[in-house]
C-alpha atoms as a PDB file:
ATOM      1  CA  UNK A   1      14.564  -9.549   7.489  1.00  0.00           C
ATOM      2  CA  UNK A   2      11.066  -8.019   7.619  1.00  0.00           C
ATOM      3  CA  UNK A   3       7.998 -10.121   6.977  1.00  0.00           C
ATOM      4  CA  UNK A   4       5.006  -8.219   5.578  1.00  0.00           C
ATOM      5  CA  UNK A   5       1.512  -9.669   5.586  1.00  0.00           C
ATOM      6  CA  UNK A   6      -1.479  -8.111   3.871  1.00  0.00           C
ATOM      7  CA  UNK A   7      -4.746  -9.656   5.014  1.00  0.00           C
ATOM      8  CA  UNK A   8      -7.940  -8.269   3.633  1.00  0.00           C
ATOM      9  CA  UNK A   9      -8.662  -7.476   0.042  1.00  0.00           C
ATOM     10  CA  UNK A  10     -11.689  -8.949  -1.629  1.00  0.00           C
ATOM     11  CA  UNK A  11     -14.551  -8.102  -3.922  1.00  0.00           C
ATOM     12  CA  UNK A  12     -16.215  -4.691  -3.830  1.00  0.00           C
ATOM     13  CA  UNK A  13     -18.602  -2.840  -6.109  1.00  0.00           C
ATOM     14  CA  UNK A  14     -17.721   0.340  -7.943  1.00  0.00           C
ATOM     15  CA  UNK A  15     -17.864   3.538  -5.855  1.00  0.00           C
ATOM     16  CA  UNK A  16     -17.532   1.319  -2.801  1.00  0.00           C
ATOM     17  CA  UNK A  17     -14.783   1.420  -0.179  1.00  0.00           C
ATOM     18  CA  UNK A  18     -12.245  -0.996   1.192  1.00  0.00           C
ATOM     19  CA  UNK A  19      -9.400  -0.747   3.654  1.00  0.00           C
ATOM     20  CA  UNK A  20      -6.216  -2.763   3.308  1.00  0.00           C
ATOM     21  CA  UNK A  21      -3.746  -3.387   6.091  1.00  0.00           C
ATOM     22  CA  UNK A  22      -0.163  -4.560   6.105  1.00  0.00           C
ATOM     23  CA  UNK A  23       1.406  -5.891   9.292  1.00  0.00           C
ATOM     24  CA  UNK A  24       5.170  -5.922   9.657  1.00  0.00           C
ATOM     25  CA  UNK A  25       7.184  -8.307  11.785  1.00  0.00           C
ATOM     26  CA  UNK A  26       9.758  -5.779  12.856  1.00  0.00           C
ATOM     27  CA  UNK A  27      10.390  -3.960  16.110  1.00  0.00           C
ATOM     28  CA  UNK A  28      11.933  -1.090  14.131  1.00  0.00           C
ATOM     29  CA  UNK A  29       8.830  -0.503  11.994  1.00  0.00           C
ATOM     30  CA  UNK A  30       8.891   3.178  12.851  1.00  0.00           C
ATOM     31  CA  UNK A  31      12.319   3.599  11.278  1.00  0.00           C
ATOM     32  CA  UNK A  32      11.381   3.176   7.642  1.00  0.00           C
ATOM     33  CA  UNK A  33       9.035   4.394   4.946  1.00  0.00           C
ATOM     34  CA  UNK A  34       6.241   2.186   3.637  1.00  0.00           C
ATOM     35  CA  UNK A  35       4.521   1.990   0.298  1.00  0.00           C
ATOM     36  CA  UNK A  36       1.624   0.371  -1.501  1.00  0.00           C
ATOM     37  CA  UNK A  37       1.861  -0.851  -5.069  1.00  0.00           C
ATOM     38  CA  UNK A  38      -0.503  -2.763  -7.307  1.00  0.00           C
ATOM     39  CA  UNK A  39      -0.211  -5.056 -10.275  1.00  0.00           C
ATOM     40  CA  UNK A  40      -2.945  -6.052 -12.681  1.00  0.00           C
ATOM     41  CA  UNK A  41      -2.625  -9.109 -14.930  1.00  0.00           C
ATOM     42  CA  UNK A  42      -0.269  -8.470 -17.817  1.00  0.00           C
ATOM     43  CA  UNK A  43       0.763  -5.073 -16.486  1.00  0.00           C
ATOM     44  CA  UNK A  44       3.798  -3.716 -14.693  1.00  0.00           C
ATOM     45  CA  UNK A  45       3.835  -3.043 -10.989  1.00  0.00           C
ATOM     46  CA  UNK A  46       2.353   0.389 -10.369  1.00  0.00           C
ATOM     47  CA  UNK A  47       2.971   2.785  -7.495  1.00  0.00           C
ATOM     48  CA  UNK A  48      -0.111   3.664  -5.441  1.00  0.00           C
ATOM     49  CA  UNK A  49       0.945   5.500  -2.285  1.00  0.00           C
ATOM     50  CA  UNK A  50       3.808   5.884   0.174  1.00  0.00           C
ATOM     51  CA  UNK A  51       4.254   7.273   3.660  1.00  0.00           C
ATOM     52  CA  UNK A  52       7.275   8.455   5.606  1.00  0.00           C
ATOM     53  CA  UNK A  53       8.564   6.752   8.742  1.00  0.00           C
ATOM     54  CA  UNK A  54       6.740   9.229  10.991  1.00  0.00           C
ATOM     55  CA  UNK A  55       3.563   9.367   8.952  1.00  0.00           C
ATOM     56  CA  UNK A  56       4.072  13.086   8.462  1.00  0.00           C
ATOM     57  CA  UNK A  57       4.566  12.899   4.713  1.00  0.00           C
ATOM     58  CA  UNK A  58       2.616  10.936   2.146  1.00  0.00           C
ATOM     59  CA  UNK A  59       2.725  10.677  -1.601  1.00  0.00           C
ATOM     60  CA  UNK A  60       0.116   9.391  -4.062  1.00  0.00           C
ATOM     61  CA  UNK A  61      -0.160   8.361  -7.660  1.00  0.00           C
ATOM     62  CA  UNK A  62      -2.330  10.733  -9.658  1.00  0.00           C
ATOM     63  CA  UNK A  63      -4.726   7.893 -10.433  1.00  0.00           C
ATOM     64  CA  UNK A  64      -5.679   7.497  -6.763  1.00  0.00           C
ATOM     65  CA  UNK A  65      -5.149  10.971  -5.359  1.00  0.00           C
ATOM     66  CA  UNK A  66      -8.245  12.186  -3.548  1.00  0.00           C
ATOM     67  CA  UNK A  67      -9.684   8.665  -3.326  1.00  0.00           C
ATOM     68  CA  UNK A  68      -7.061   6.674  -1.409  1.00  0.00           C
ATOM     69  CA  UNK A  69      -5.424   7.496   1.915  1.00  0.00           C
ATOM     70  CA  UNK A  70      -2.315   5.859   3.334  1.00  0.00           C
ATOM     71  CA  UNK A  71      -1.693   5.873   7.072  1.00  0.00           C
ATOM     72  CA  UNK A  72       0.358   3.987   9.625  1.00  0.00           C
ATOM     73  CA  UNK A  73       0.313   2.972  13.253  1.00  0.00           C
ATOM     74  CA  UNK A  74       3.895   2.484  14.377  1.00  0.00           C
ATOM     75  CA  UNK A  75       2.831   1.075  17.731  1.00  0.00           C
ATOM     76  CA  UNK A  76       0.994  -1.698  15.899  1.00  0.00           C
ATOM     77  CA  UNK A  77       3.620  -1.988  13.138  1.00  0.00           C
ATOM     78  CA  UNK A  78       0.859  -1.661  10.561  1.00  0.00           C
ATOM     79  CA  UNK A  79       0.278   0.447   7.479  1.00  0.00           C
ATOM     80  CA  UNK A  80      -3.171   0.986   6.005  1.00  0.00           C
ATOM     81  CA  UNK A  81      -4.633   1.940   2.661  1.00  0.00           C
ATOM     82  CA  UNK A  82      -8.146   3.353   2.782  1.00  0.00           C
ATOM     83  CA  UNK A  83      -9.670   3.116  -0.694  1.00  0.00           C
ATOM     84  CA  UNK A  84     -12.823   5.068  -1.511  1.00  0.00           C
ATOM     85  CA  UNK A  85     -14.817   5.590  -4.691  1.00  0.00           C
ATOM     86  CA  UNK A  86     -13.332   2.445  -6.168  1.00  0.00           C
ATOM     87  CA  UNK A  87     -13.302   1.972  -9.935  1.00  0.00           C
ATOM     88  CA  UNK A  88     -12.992  -1.119 -12.063  1.00  0.00           C
ATOM     89  CA  UNK A  89      -9.505  -0.041 -13.086  1.00  0.00           C
ATOM     90  CA  UNK A  90      -8.446  -0.309  -9.425  1.00  0.00           C
ATOM     91  CA  UNK A  91      -8.720  -4.091  -9.739  1.00  0.00           C
ATOM     92  CA  UNK A  92      -5.284  -5.568  -9.060  1.00  0.00           C
ATOM     93  CA  UNK A  93      -3.119  -7.399  -6.587  1.00  0.00           C
ATOM     94  CA  UNK A  94      -2.077  -4.868  -3.948  1.00  0.00           C
ATOM     95  CA  UNK A  95       1.318  -5.226  -2.303  1.00  0.00           C
ATOM     96  CA  UNK A  96       2.885  -3.369   0.576  1.00  0.00           C
ATOM     97  CA  UNK A  97       6.600  -2.717   0.752  1.00  0.00           C
ATOM     98  CA  UNK A  98       9.164  -1.424   3.237  1.00  0.00           C
ATOM     99  CA  UNK A  99      11.920   1.021   2.367  1.00  0.00           C
ATOM    100  CA  UNK A 100      14.850   0.899   4.788  1.00  0.00           C
ATOM    101  CA  UNK A 101      17.093   3.322   3.003  1.00  0.00           C
ATOM    102  CA  UNK A 102      15.267   6.227   1.387  1.00  0.00           C
ATOM    103  CA  UNK A 103      13.195   7.182   4.486  1.00  0.00           C
ATOM    104  CA  UNK A 104      11.129   9.666   2.487  1.00  0.00           C
ATOM    105  CA  UNK A 105       8.144   8.375   0.517  1.00  0.00           C
ATOM    106  CA  UNK A 106       9.196   7.157  -2.898  1.00  0.00           C
ATOM    107  CA  UNK A 107       7.377   5.767  -5.908  1.00  0.00           C
ATOM    108  CA  UNK A 108      10.255   3.663  -7.240  1.00  0.00           C
ATOM    109  CA  UNK A 109       9.849  -0.069  -6.626  1.00  0.00           C
ATOM    110  CA  UNK A 110      13.633  -0.442  -6.657  1.00  0.00           C
ATOM    111  CA  UNK A 111      13.869   1.704  -3.497  1.00  0.00           C
ATOM    112  CA  UNK A 112      11.955  -0.859  -1.471  1.00  0.00           C
ATOM    113  CA  UNK A 113      13.742  -3.623   0.359  1.00  0.00           C
ATOM    114  CA  UNK A 114      10.952  -5.954   1.475  1.00  0.00           C
ATOM    115  CA  UNK A 115       7.646  -6.883  -0.095  1.00  0.00           C
ATOM    116  CA  UNK A 116       4.497  -8.617   1.016  1.00  0.00           C
ATOM    117  CA  UNK A 117       2.896 -11.375  -1.049  1.00  0.00           C
ATOM    118  CA  UNK A 118      -0.026  -9.173  -2.023  1.00  0.00           C
ATOM    119  CA  UNK A 119      -3.782  -9.316  -1.708  1.00  0.00           C
ATOM    120  CA  UNK A 120      -6.351  -9.336  -4.502  1.00  0.00           C
ATOM    121  CA  UNK A 121      -8.790  -6.451  -4.833  1.00  0.00           C
ATOM    122  CA  UNK A 122     -11.542  -6.876  -7.408  1.00  0.00           C
ATOM    123  CA  UNK A 123     -13.923  -4.053  -8.232  1.00  0.00           C
ATOM    124  CA  UNK A 124     -17.083  -5.045 -10.073  1.00  0.00           C
ATOM    125  CA  UNK A 125     -20.018  -3.161 -11.511  1.00  0.00           C
END
């Protein structure tokens, strides 16, 4: 079992920046792909970004491409999401997830095996 914890989150103004982190309790962190998703109230879970086990490949939703950057530090068993030029529509609970099977970045929630509890990001005017 992998335990994922996402500290951080918070309130930020539009066009501001925020970085999220997700720490994994697994010594094999470098063996699997990681992803970030988000869910706003009353909406379905939405893919944000994903990164391969090595960090060499990443994949973004069109809504965040050019503004968000996913990265990972396998030595620290942590994945990050740098969010720039934030918009009100980015307000959501952000969740990280671990994919043990696909290895390549994927946008399908069903491909992910473990999920964090999520952290709230609120973007205000």
